[in-house]
C-alpha atoms as a PDB file:
ATOM      1  CA  MET A   1      72.546 115.015 165.141  1.00  0.00           C
ATOM      2  CA  ARG A   2      73.726 117.695 162.860  1.00  0.00           C
ATOM      3  CA  SER A   3      75.775 121.156 163.164  1.00  0.00           C
ATOM      4  CA  VAL A   4      76.475 124.143 161.356  1.00  0.00           C
ATOM      5  CA  ASP A   5      79.931 124.608 160.335  1.00  0.00           C
ATOM      6  CA  ASP A   6      81.399 128.171 160.034  1.00  0.00           C
ATOM      7  CA  THR A   7      79.938 128.875 156.309  1.00  0.00           C
ATOM      8  CA  GLY A   8      76.502 128.023 157.786  1.00  0.00           C
ATOM      9  CA  THR A   9      76.426 124.402 155.968  1.00  0.00           C
ATOM     10  CA  ARG A  10      74.358 121.904 157.544  1.00  0.00           C
ATOM     11  CA  VAL A  11      76.325 118.802 158.107  1.00  0.00           C
ATOM     12  CA  ARG A  12      76.146 115.617 159.803  1.00  0.00           C
ATOM     13  CA  ASN A  13      78.605 114.890 162.725  1.00  0.00           C
ATOM     14  CA  SER A  14      81.186 112.309 161.561  1.00  0.00           C
ATOM     15  CA  ALA A  15      83.308 111.790 164.718  1.00  0.00           C
ATOM     16  CA  PRO A  16      86.019 109.622 164.069  1.00  0.00           C
ATOM     17  CA  ALA A  17      85.523 106.112 164.848  1.00  0.00           C
ATOM     18  CA  GLN A  18      87.389 104.446 167.704  1.00  0.00           C
ATOM     19  CA  ARG A  19      90.589 102.929 166.354  1.00  0.00           C
ATOM     20  CA  SER A  20      93.764 100.826 166.834  1.00  0.00           C
ATOM     21  CA  THR A  21      96.532 102.907 168.906  1.00  0.00           C
ATOM     22  CA  ALA A  22      98.977 101.176 166.651  1.00  0.00           C
ATOM     23  CA  ALA A  23     101.348 103.595 165.033  1.00  0.00           C
ATOM     24  CA  PRO A  24      99.950 104.410 161.610  1.00  0.00           C
ATOM     25  CA  ARG A  25     101.963 103.396 158.399  1.00  0.00           C
ATOM     26  CA  PRO A  26     100.896 104.982 155.375  1.00  0.00           C
ATOM     27  CA  ILE A  27     101.855 104.528 151.595  1.00  0.00           C
ATOM     28  CA  VAL A  28     101.595 107.353 148.841  1.00  0.00           C
ATOM     29  CA  VAL A  29     100.236 105.794 145.714  1.00  0.00           C
ATOM     30  CA  ILE A  30     100.906 108.288 142.855  1.00  0.00           C
ATOM     31  CA  THR A  31      98.788 106.757 139.759  1.00  0.00           C
ATOM     32  CA  THR A  32      99.928 107.526 136.131  1.00  0.00           C
ATOM     33  CA  HIS A  33      99.010 105.989 132.816  1.00  0.00           C
ATOM     34  CA  ARG A  34     101.980 107.793 131.127  1.00  0.00           C
ATOM     35  CA  ALA A  35     105.788 108.278 131.850  1.00  0.00           C
ATOM     36  CA  VAL A  36     106.299 111.514 129.659  1.00  0.00           C
ATOM     37  CA  LEU A  37     105.073 114.050 132.146  1.00  0.00           C
ATOM     38  CA  ASP A  38     103.943 117.643 131.137  1.00  0.00           C
ATOM     39  CA  ASP A  39     105.280 120.645 133.187  1.00  0.00           C
ATOM     40  CA  ASP A  40     102.483 120.709 135.797  1.00  0.00           C
ATOM     41  CA  GLU A  41     102.722 116.863 136.362  1.00  0.00           C
ATOM     42  CA  ARG A  42     106.577 116.957 136.417  1.00  0.00           C
ATOM     43  CA  ARG A  43     106.044 119.712 138.810  1.00  0.00           C
ATOM     44  CA  SER A  44     103.545 117.819 141.060  1.00  0.00           C
ATOM     45  CA  PHE A  45     105.604 114.932 140.878  1.00  0.00           C
ATOM     46  CA  LEU A  46     108.613 116.414 142.080  1.00  0.00           C
ATOM     47  CA  GLN A  47     106.782 118.265 144.853  1.00  0.00           C
ATOM     48  CA  VAL A  48     105.282 115.253 146.371  1.00  0.00           C
ATOM     49  CA  ARG A  49     108.801 113.272 146.032  1.00  0.00           C
ATOM     50  CA  ALA A  50     110.183 116.192 147.837  1.00  0.00           C
ATOM     51  CA  VAL A  51     107.493 116.952 150.717  1.00  0.00           C
ATOM     52  CA  LEU A  52     106.351 113.369 151.340  1.00  0.00           C
ATOM     53  CA  GLY A  53     109.490 111.565 150.353  1.00  0.00           C
ATOM     54  CA  GLY A  54     109.968 110.228 154.043  1.00  0.00           C
ATOM     55  CA  HIS A  55     106.915 108.016 153.697  1.00  0.00           C
ATOM     56  CA  ASP A  56     106.423 104.653 151.728  1.00  0.00           C
ATOM     57  CA  MET A  57     105.554 105.746 148.317  1.00  0.00           C
ATOM     58  CA  VAL A  58     105.106 104.109 144.946  1.00  0.00           C
ATOM     59  CA  VAL A  59     104.311 104.913 141.382  1.00  0.00           C
ATOM     60  CA  LEU A  60     101.640 102.752 140.019  1.00  0.00           C
ATOM     61  CA  VAL A  61     101.411 102.505 136.328  1.00  0.00           C
ATOM     62  CA  PRO A  62     100.149 100.191 133.303  1.00  0.00           C
ATOM     63  CA  ASP A  63     102.041  96.871 133.256  1.00  0.00           C
ATOM     64  CA  ASP A  64     102.942  97.631 129.576  1.00  0.00           C
ATOM     65  CA  LEU A  65     104.220 101.519 130.046  1.00  0.00           C
ATOM     66  CA  ASP A  66     107.819 102.254 129.201  1.00  0.00           C
ATOM     67  CA  VAL A  67     108.922 103.807 132.837  1.00  0.00           C
ATOM     68  CA  ALA A  68     112.371 105.217 131.566  1.00  0.00           C
ATOM     69  CA  PRO A  69     111.067 108.579 131.374  1.00  0.00           C
ATOM     70  CA  LEU A  70     110.057 108.123 135.119  1.00  0.00           C
ATOM     71  CA  ARG A  71     113.178 106.902 135.769  1.00  0.00           C
ATOM     72  CA  GLU A  72     115.270 109.498 134.260  1.00  0.00           C
ATOM     73  CA  LEU A  73     112.927 111.941 136.310  1.00  0.00           C
ATOM     74  CA  ASP A  74     113.693 109.870 139.468  1.00  0.00           C
ATOM     75  CA  ALA A  75     116.100 106.950 139.579  1.00  0.00           C
ATOM     76  CA  GLU A  76     114.969 106.262 143.101  1.00  0.00           C
ATOM     77  CA  VAL A  77     111.175 106.039 143.719  1.00  0.00           C
ATOM     78  CA  GLU A  78     109.707 102.410 143.298  1.00  0.00           C
ATOM     79  CA  ILE A  79     107.146 101.630 140.508  1.00  0.00           C
ATOM     80  CA  ARG A  80     104.679  99.262 140.609  1.00  0.00           C
ATOM     81  CA  ARG A  81     102.483  97.709 137.531  1.00  0.00           C
ATOM     82  CA  SER A  82      99.003  96.917 137.463  1.00  0.00           C
ATOM     83  CA  PRO A  83      96.901  95.137 134.891  1.00  0.00           C
ATOM     84  CA  THR A  84      96.270  97.318 131.612  1.00  0.00           C
ATOM     85  CA  GLU A  85      92.542  96.825 132.136  1.00  0.00           C
ATOM     86  CA  CYS A  86      92.629  99.175 135.421  1.00  0.00           C
ATOM     87  CA  TRP A  87      93.793 101.975 132.824  1.00  0.00           C
ATOM     88  CA  GLY A  88      92.759 103.483 129.553  1.00  0.00           C
ATOM     89  CA  SER A  89      89.758 105.304 130.699  1.00  0.00           C
ATOM     90  CA  VAL A  90      88.247 107.249 133.638  1.00  0.00           C
ATOM     91  CA  ALA A  91      85.875 104.149 134.268  1.00  0.00           C
ATOM     92  CA  ASN A  92      88.424 101.752 134.377  1.00  0.00           C
ATOM     93  CA  HIS A  93      90.538 103.425 137.007  1.00  0.00           C
ATOM     94  CA  GLU A  94      87.502 103.733 139.189  1.00  0.00           C
ATOM     95  CA  ARG A  95      86.882 100.231 138.856  1.00  0.00           C
ATOM     96  CA  MET A  96      90.237  99.803 140.183  1.00  0.00           C
ATOM     97  CA  LEU A  97      89.701 102.051 143.139  1.00  0.00           C
ATOM     98  CA  LEU A  98      86.658 100.002 143.779  1.00  0.00           C
ATOM     99  CA  SER A  99      88.387  96.614 143.748  1.00  0.00           C
ATOM    100  CA  SER A 100      89.567  94.935 146.879  1.00  0.00           C
ATOM    101  CA  ARG A 101      92.705  94.072 144.842  1.00  0.00           C
ATOM    102  CA  PHE A 102      93.938  97.751 144.892  1.00  0.00           C
ATOM    103  CA  TYR A 103      93.795  97.596 148.771  1.00  0.00           C
ATOM    104  CA  GLU A 104      95.463  93.978 148.958  1.00  0.00           C
ATOM    105  CA  TRP A 105      98.345  95.521 147.100  1.00  0.00           C
ATOM    106  CA  PHE A 106      98.857  97.680 150.101  1.00  0.00           C
ATOM    107  CA  GLY A 107      97.717  95.527 152.613  1.00  0.00           C
ATOM    108  CA  ASP A 108     100.718  95.957 154.598  1.00  0.00           C
ATOM    109  CA  HIS A 109      99.966  99.828 155.221  1.00  0.00           C
ATOM    110  CA  THR A 110      97.311 101.310 157.016  1.00  0.00           C
ATOM    111  CA  HIS A 111      96.418 104.176 154.872  1.00  0.00           C
ATOM    112  CA  VAL A 112      96.643 104.941 151.034  1.00  0.00           C
ATOM    113  CA  LEU A 113      97.010 108.421 149.998  1.00  0.00           C
ATOM    114  CA  VAL A 114      95.877 108.345 146.353  1.00  0.00           C
ATOM    115  CA  TYR A 115      97.739 111.086 144.779  1.00  0.00           C
ATOM    116  CA  HIS A 116      97.124 111.921 141.178  1.00  0.00           C
ATOM    117  CA  LEU A 117      99.515 114.137 139.163  1.00  0.00           C
ATOM    118  CA  ASP A 118      97.094 116.801 138.949  1.00  0.00           C
ATOM    119  CA  ALA A 119      97.367 117.219 143.006  1.00  0.00           C
ATOM    120  CA  PHE A 120      99.871 119.124 144.856  1.00  0.00           C
ATOM    121  CA  VAL A 121     101.019 119.027 148.350  1.00  0.00           C
ATOM    122  CA  PHE A 122     102.247 122.079 150.432  1.00  0.00           C
ATOM    123  CA  ARG A 123     103.665 120.206 153.709  1.00  0.00           C
ATOM    124  CA  ASP A 124     103.855 117.010 155.295  1.00  0.00           C
ATOM    125  CA  GLU A 125     100.656 116.642 157.760  1.00  0.00           C
ATOM    126  CA  LEU A 126     100.187 112.420 156.406  1.00  0.00           C
ATOM    127  CA  LEU A 127     100.716 111.104 159.893  1.00  0.00           C
ATOM    128  CA  ASP A 128      98.543 113.707 161.592  1.00  0.00           C
ATOM    129  CA  TRP A 129      95.560 112.751 159.045  1.00  0.00           C
ATOM    130  CA  CYS A 130      96.161 109.124 159.580  1.00  0.00           C
ATOM    131  CA  ALA A 131      96.066 109.678 163.525  1.00  0.00           C
ATOM    132  CA  ALA A 132      92.595 111.680 162.848  1.00  0.00           C
ATOM    133  CA  GLY A 133      90.799 108.469 162.881  1.00  0.00           C
ATOM    134  CA  TYR A 134      88.497 108.901 159.738  1.00  0.00           C
ATOM    135  CA  ASP A 135      88.195 105.867 156.895  1.00  0.00           C
ATOM    136  CA  TYR A 136      87.935 108.763 153.952  1.00  0.00           C
ATOM    137  CA  VAL A 137      89.332 112.107 153.908  1.00  0.00           C
ATOM    138  CA  ALA A 138      89.323 114.312 150.850  1.00  0.00           C
ATOM    139  CA  GLY A 139      88.630 117.895 149.833  1.00  0.00           C
ATOM    140  CA  PRO A 140      84.950 119.459 150.329  1.00  0.00           C
ATOM    141  CA  TRP A 141      82.545 119.508 147.663  1.00  0.00           C
ATOM    142  CA  PHE A 142      79.791 122.032 147.168  1.00  0.00           C
ATOM    143  CA  ASP A 143      76.073 121.804 146.355  1.00  0.00           C
ATOM    144  CA  GLY A 144      75.939 121.970 142.581  1.00  0.00           C
ATOM    145  CA  PHE A 145      79.553 120.698 142.216  1.00  0.00           C
ATOM    146  CA  THR A 146      81.322 122.159 139.389  1.00  0.00           C
ATOM    147  CA  SER A 147      78.086 124.490 138.826  1.00  0.00           C
ATOM    148  CA  ALA A 148      78.042 125.481 142.501  1.00  0.00           C
ATOM    149  CA  SER A 149      77.070 129.132 142.981  1.00  0.00           C
ATOM    150  CA  ALA A 150      79.630 131.267 145.088  1.00  0.00           C
ATOM    151  CA  ASP A 151      77.190 130.780 148.134  1.00  0.00           C
ATOM    152  CA  ALA A 152      76.378 127.211 147.931  1.00  0.00           C
ATOM    153  CA  PRO A 153      76.638 125.129 150.712  1.00  0.00           C
ATOM    154  CA  MET A 154      79.187 122.505 151.519  1.00  0.00           C
ATOM    155  CA  VAL A 155      77.595 119.029 150.886  1.00  0.00           C
ATOM    156  CA  GLY A 156      80.320 116.863 151.723  1.00  0.00           C
ATOM    157  CA  VAL A 157      83.594 115.597 150.726  1.00  0.00           C
ATOM    158  CA  GLY A 158      85.391 113.790 147.611  1.00  0.00           C
ATOM    159  CA  ASN A 159      87.858 114.351 144.814  1.00  0.00           C
ATOM    160  CA  GLY A 160      89.453 110.724 144.851  1.00  0.00           C
ATOM    161  CA  GLY A 161      92.492 112.309 143.047  1.00  0.00           C
ATOM    162  CA  PHE A 162      93.858 113.519 146.491  1.00  0.00           C
ATOM    163  CA  SER A 163      92.254 111.368 149.040  1.00  0.00           C
ATOM    164  CA  LEU A 164      93.084 109.259 152.098  1.00  0.00           C
ATOM    165  CA  ARG A 165      91.729 105.728 152.866  1.00  0.00           C
ATOM    166  CA  ARG A 166      91.984 103.513 155.444  1.00  0.00           C
ATOM    167  CA  VAL A 167      93.141  99.915 154.168  1.00  0.00           C
ATOM    168  CA  GLU A 168      91.137  97.935 156.713  1.00  0.00           C
ATOM    169  CA  THR A 169      87.944  99.563 156.020  1.00  0.00           C
ATOM    170  CA  PHE A 170      88.089  99.704 152.329  1.00  0.00           C
ATOM    171  CA  LEU A 171      89.158  96.045 152.311  1.00  0.00           C
ATOM    172  CA  ARG A 172      86.190  95.185 153.842  1.00  0.00           C
ATOM    173  CA  LEU A 173      83.601  97.039 152.107  1.00  0.00           C
ATOM    174  CA  THR A 174      84.894  96.403 148.458  1.00  0.00           C
ATOM    175  CA  ARG A 175      85.172  92.717 149.318  1.00  0.00           C
ATOM    176  CA  VAL A 176      81.590  92.892 150.164  1.00  0.00           C
ATOM    177  CA  LEU A 177      80.816  94.752 146.814  1.00  0.00           C
ATOM    178  CA  GLU A 178      82.713  91.731 145.033  1.00  0.00           C
ATOM    179  CA  GLN A 179      80.828  89.012 147.119  1.00  0.00           C
ATOM    180  CA  HIS A 180      79.505  85.934 145.316  1.00  0.00           C
ATOM    181  CA  ALA A 181      75.837  85.680 145.567  1.00  0.00           C
ATOM    182  CA  THR A 182      74.364  83.960 148.736  1.00  0.00           C
ATOM    183  CA  TRP A 183      70.783  82.737 149.734  1.00  0.00           C
ATOM    184  CA  ARG A 184      70.586  86.121 151.555  1.00  0.00           C
ATOM    185  CA  THR A 185      71.763  88.417 148.495  1.00  0.00           C
ATOM    186  CA  ARG A 186      71.019  86.387 145.389  1.00  0.00           C
ATOM    187  CA  PRO A 187      67.251  88.045 144.891  1.00  0.00           C
ATOM    188  CA  LEU A 188      68.626  91.415 145.682  1.00  0.00           C
ATOM    189  CA  ARG A 189      71.611  91.296 143.054  1.00  0.00           C
ATOM    190  CA  ALA A 190      69.346  90.157 140.163  1.00  0.00           C
ATOM    191  CA  LEU A 191      67.328  93.234 140.634  1.00  0.00           C
ATOM    192  CA  PRO A 192      67.997  96.136 138.131  1.00  0.00           C
ATOM    193  CA  VAL A 193      70.265  98.956 139.296  1.00  0.00           C
ATOM    194  CA  ARG A 194      67.594 101.567 139.432  1.00  0.00           C
ATOM    195  CA  VAL A 195      65.633  99.267 141.534  1.00  0.00           C
ATOM    196  CA  ARG A 196      68.315  98.587 143.866  1.00  0.00           C
ATOM    197  CA  ALA A 197      69.033 102.346 144.052  1.00  0.00           C
ATOM    198  CA  ALA A 198      65.372 102.985 145.203  1.00  0.00           C
ATOM    199  CA  LEU A 199      65.711  99.946 147.776  1.00  0.00           C
ATOM    200  CA  ARG A 200      68.628 101.708 149.107  1.00  0.00           C
ATOM    201  CA  LYS A 201      66.881 104.899 149.539  1.00  0.00           C
ATOM    202  CA  GLY A 202      64.070 103.204 151.351  1.00  0.00           C
ATOM    203  CA  LEU A 203      65.792 100.590 152.990  1.00  0.00           C
ATOM    204  CA  MET A 204      68.622 102.288 154.418  1.00  0.00           C
ATOM    205  CA  PRO A 205      66.723 104.798 157.101  1.00  0.00           C
ATOM    206  CA  ALA A 206      64.759 102.090 157.974  1.00  0.00           C
ATOM    207  CA  ALA A 207      67.785  99.399 158.686  1.00  0.00           C
ATOM    208  CA  ARG A 208      69.522 102.102 160.710  1.00  0.00           C
ATOM    209  CA  PHE A 209      66.399 102.984 162.764  1.00  0.00           C
ATOM    210  CA  VAL A 210      65.861  99.523 163.608  1.00  0.00           C
ATOM    211  CA  ARG A 211      69.695  99.636 164.493  1.00  0.00           C
ATOM    212  CA  MET A 212      70.574  96.677 162.155  1.00  0.00           C
ATOM    213  CA  PRO A 213      74.116  95.423 163.211  1.00  0.00           C
ATOM    214  CA  ASP A 214      76.980  97.475 161.245  1.00  0.00           C
ATOM    215  CA  ARG A 215      78.109  94.615 159.326  1.00  0.00           C
ATOM    216  CA  LEU A 216      74.690  93.414 157.757  1.00  0.00           C
ATOM    217  CA  LEU A 217      74.084  97.324 157.239  1.00  0.00           C
ATOM    218  CA  GLU A 218      77.222  97.367 155.178  1.00  0.00           C
ATOM    219  CA  GLN A 219      76.285  94.362 153.297  1.00  0.00           C
ATOM    220  CA  LEU A 220      73.090  96.040 152.618  1.00  0.00           C
ATOM    221  CA  PHE A 221      74.314  99.372 151.363  1.00  0.00           C
ATOM    222  CA  MET A 222      77.162  97.741 149.074  1.00  0.00           C
ATOM    223  CA  PHE A 223      74.810  95.284 147.464  1.00  0.00           C
ATOM    224  CA  CYS A 224      72.385  98.092 146.739  1.00  0.00           C
ATOM    225  CA  SER A 225      75.351 100.174 145.079  1.00  0.00           C
ATOM    226  CA  ARG A 226      76.656  97.268 142.956  1.00  0.00           C
ATOM    227  CA  GLY A 227      76.244  98.526 139.098  1.00  0.00           C
ATOM    228  CA  THR A 228      76.218 102.278 140.431  1.00  0.00           C
ATOM    229  CA  LYS A 229      77.038 105.021 137.860  1.00  0.00           C
ATOM    230  CA  LEU A 230      77.998 107.403 140.430  1.00  0.00           C
ATOM    231  CA  PRO A 231      81.698 108.081 140.526  1.00  0.00           C
ATOM    232  CA  GLU A 232      83.733 106.431 143.354  1.00  0.00           C
ATOM    233  CA  ASP A 233      84.640 109.386 145.235  1.00  0.00           C
ATOM    234  CA  MET A 234      80.919 110.233 145.555  1.00  0.00           C
ATOM    235  CA  LEU A 235      79.946 106.797 146.509  1.00  0.00           C
ATOM    236  CA  TRP A 236      82.435 106.786 149.519  1.00  0.00           C
ATOM    237  CA  GLY A 237      82.342 110.622 150.512  1.00  0.00           C
ATOM    238  CA  LEU A 238      78.926 111.068 150.096  1.00  0.00           C
ATOM    239  CA  ARG A 239      76.562 108.019 150.034  1.00  0.00           C
ATOM    240  CA  ALA A 240      78.528 105.664 152.402  1.00  0.00           C
ATOM    241  CA  GLY A 241      79.357 108.542 154.617  1.00  0.00           C
ATOM    242  CA  ARG A 242      75.681 109.099 155.141  1.00  0.00           C
ATOM    243  CA  ALA A 243      74.367 105.543 155.160  1.00  0.00           C
ATOM    244  CA  LEU A 244      76.941 103.753 157.220  1.00  0.00           C
ATOM    245  CA  PRO A 245      77.491 104.589 161.091  1.00  0.00           C
ATOM    246  CA  SER A 246      80.698 102.311 160.624  1.00  0.00           C
ATOM    247  CA  PHE A 247      82.347 104.395 157.938  1.00  0.00           C
ATOM    248  CA  SER A 248      83.708 107.415 159.114  1.00  0.00           C
ATOM    249  CA  VAL A 249      83.879 110.313 156.812  1.00  0.00           C
ATOM    250  CA  ALA A 250      85.981 113.628 157.308  1.00  0.00           C
ATOM    251  CA  PRO A 251      83.148 116.562 157.599  1.00  0.00           C
ATOM    252  CA  PRO A 252      83.499 119.268 155.092  1.00  0.00           C
ATOM    253  CA  ASP A 253      85.359 121.679 157.800  1.00  0.00           C
ATOM    254  CA  ALA A 254      87.953 119.082 158.419  1.00  0.00           C
ATOM    255  CA  GLY A 255      88.034 118.143 154.571  1.00  0.00           C
ATOM    256  CA  ALA A 256      88.864 121.889 154.041  1.00  0.00           C
ATOM    257  CA  ALA A 257      91.985 121.633 156.121  1.00  0.00           C
ATOM    258  CA  PHE A 258      93.038 118.479 154.311  1.00  0.00           C
ATOM    259  CA  ALA A 259      92.238 119.514 150.801  1.00  0.00           C
ATOM    260  CA  PHE A 260      90.829 122.329 148.234  1.00  0.00           C
ATOM    261  CA  GLU A 261      89.659 121.224 144.845  1.00  0.00           C
ATOM    262  CA  MET A 262      86.454 123.325 143.923  1.00  0.00           C
ATOM    263  CA  GLN A 263      86.101 126.924 145.011  1.00  0.00           C
ATOM    264  CA  PRO A 264      89.639 127.330 146.326  1.00  0.00           C
ATOM    265  CA  SER A 265      89.951 131.199 146.784  1.00  0.00           C
ATOM    266  CA  ARG A 266      86.402 130.771 148.820  1.00  0.00           C
ATOM    267  CA  LEU A 267      88.047 127.936 150.860  1.00  0.00           C
ATOM    268  CA  TYR A 268      90.991 130.066 151.360  1.00  0.00           C
ATOM    269  CA  SER A 269      89.307 132.787 152.736  1.00  0.00           C
ATOM    270  CA  ILE A 270      86.965 130.619 154.912  1.00  0.00           C
ATOM    271  CA  ARG A 271      90.206 129.161 156.493  1.00  0.00           C
ATOM    272  CA  GLY A 272      91.615 132.765 157.176  1.00  0.00           C
ATOM    273  CA  GLY A 273      94.203 132.686 154.522  1.00  0.00           C
ATOM    274  CA  GLN A 274      95.636 129.169 155.333  1.00  0.00           C
ATOM    275  CA  LEU A 275      96.444 126.544 152.466  1.00  0.00           C
ATOM    276  CA  PRO A 276      95.067 122.963 153.414  1.00  0.00           C
ATOM    277  CA  PHE A 277      97.708 119.881 153.464  1.00  0.00           C
ATOM    278  CA  GLY A 278      97.217 119.612 149.763  1.00  0.00           C
ATOM    279  CA  CYS A 279      94.975 120.521 146.501  1.00  0.00           C
ATOM    280  CA  HIS A 280      93.470 118.491 143.664  1.00  0.00           C
ATOM    281  CA  ALA A 281      92.764 119.520 140.115  1.00  0.00           C
ATOM    282  CA  TRP A 282      94.288 123.103 140.558  1.00  0.00           C
ATOM    283  CA  ALA A 283      95.167 123.796 137.126  1.00  0.00           C
ATOM    284  CA  THR A 284      91.319 123.378 136.473  1.00  0.00           C
ATOM    285  CA  TYR A 285      89.714 125.407 139.190  1.00  0.00           C
ATOM    286  CA  GLU A 286      90.900 128.847 139.422  1.00  0.00           C
ATOM    287  CA  PRO A 287      94.399 128.260 138.268  1.00  0.00           C
ATOM    288  CA  GLU A 288      94.752 131.989 138.673  1.00  0.00           C
ATOM    289  CA  PHE A 289      94.484 131.661 142.238  1.00  0.00           C
ATOM    290  CA  TRP A 290      96.647 128.682 142.534  1.00  0.00           C
ATOM    291  CA  ARG A 291      99.663 129.775 140.335  1.00  0.00           C
ATOM    292  CA  PRO A 292     101.202 132.374 143.184  1.00  0.00           C
ATOM    293  CA  HIS A 293     101.026 129.344 145.884  1.00  0.00           C
ATOM    294  CA  ILE A 294     102.367 126.558 143.591  1.00  0.00           C
ATOM    295  CA  ASP A 295     105.475 129.090 142.396  1.00  0.00           C
ATOM    296  CA  ALA A 296     106.009 129.667 146.164  1.00  0.00           C
ATOM    297  CA  ALA A 297     106.280 126.379 147.237  1.00  0.00           C
ATOM    298  CA  GLN A 298     110.010 125.896 146.377  1.00  0.00           C
ATOM    299  CA  PRO A 299     111.116 122.372 146.564  1.00  0.00           C
ATOM    300  CA  PRO A 300     114.377 121.489 147.926  1.00  0.00           C
ATOM    301  CA  PRO A 301     117.511 122.176 145.563  1.00  0.00           C
ATOM    302  CA  ALA A 302     118.025 118.638 144.768  1.00  0.00           C
ATOM    303  CA  THR A 303     114.846 118.440 142.805  1.00  0.00           C
ATOM    304  CA  ARG A 304     114.395 122.254 141.787  1.00  0.00           C
ATOM    305  CA  ALA A 305     117.162 121.598 138.902  1.00  0.00           C
ATOM    306  CA  ALA A 306     114.926 118.725 137.358  1.00  0.00           C
ATOM    307  CA  LEU A 307     112.084 121.247 136.942  1.00  0.00           C
END
């Protein structure tokens, strides 16, 4: 069934799946490939340390990075290193987020909040979002994306640079993505990417119609998605959310309460002048809108002196 949100957007109902009642244990993962931060990155870093510092938090960096400047900025934060192959380009970073090892690094937590230093957080709602039951939460996207018109409908959620991911689910799906060929999947994996994409478009609706079991449906979708050039946040937020009943993605109206990215002033108006939990790429999309809100978000005195 589909519904209409308060913008007139037709969206698929994506009710959170029933999950364990155990208390969530999230971790904030700040990713950066450099230790010398510019002014906006420094402000972002100090803000997330001040607002979400009560949760587990790590800074993930390349294993050959000199972290002395980060230590000067914050001597207490935990720093973890990852292979240099995960860095150096957007493609390398996206491969890391599509790999099971990324989620294995944080396997003792229930959720990962991916936080790039072009993000900003306004208040601590992290446990509330973990308890909401979604596998993937991010800010909404509009039809046309960066070229969207002022009245474009929302088409889903994405922006991986400020996104919440359920570790258990992402571990399962990324492991399927990496699985070695079996007698069942070897013929499919040998097909060109374009052919597999066509199969995905044709087979997934049929598989759902005949009520294929969730795990088989996940295997079919992930194997058809191998080698895709689609950005990883689009894979999760748009394709997987539509194709897999077992993968619960926040709908756009919930995404707008979680974060803004594109068209922030429009989302602010839709939400009646309420800021979200956080935002992403605020210096890219309407920085003139964001600057007063960023400036008004004064960090505690202990961190203010470092700005």
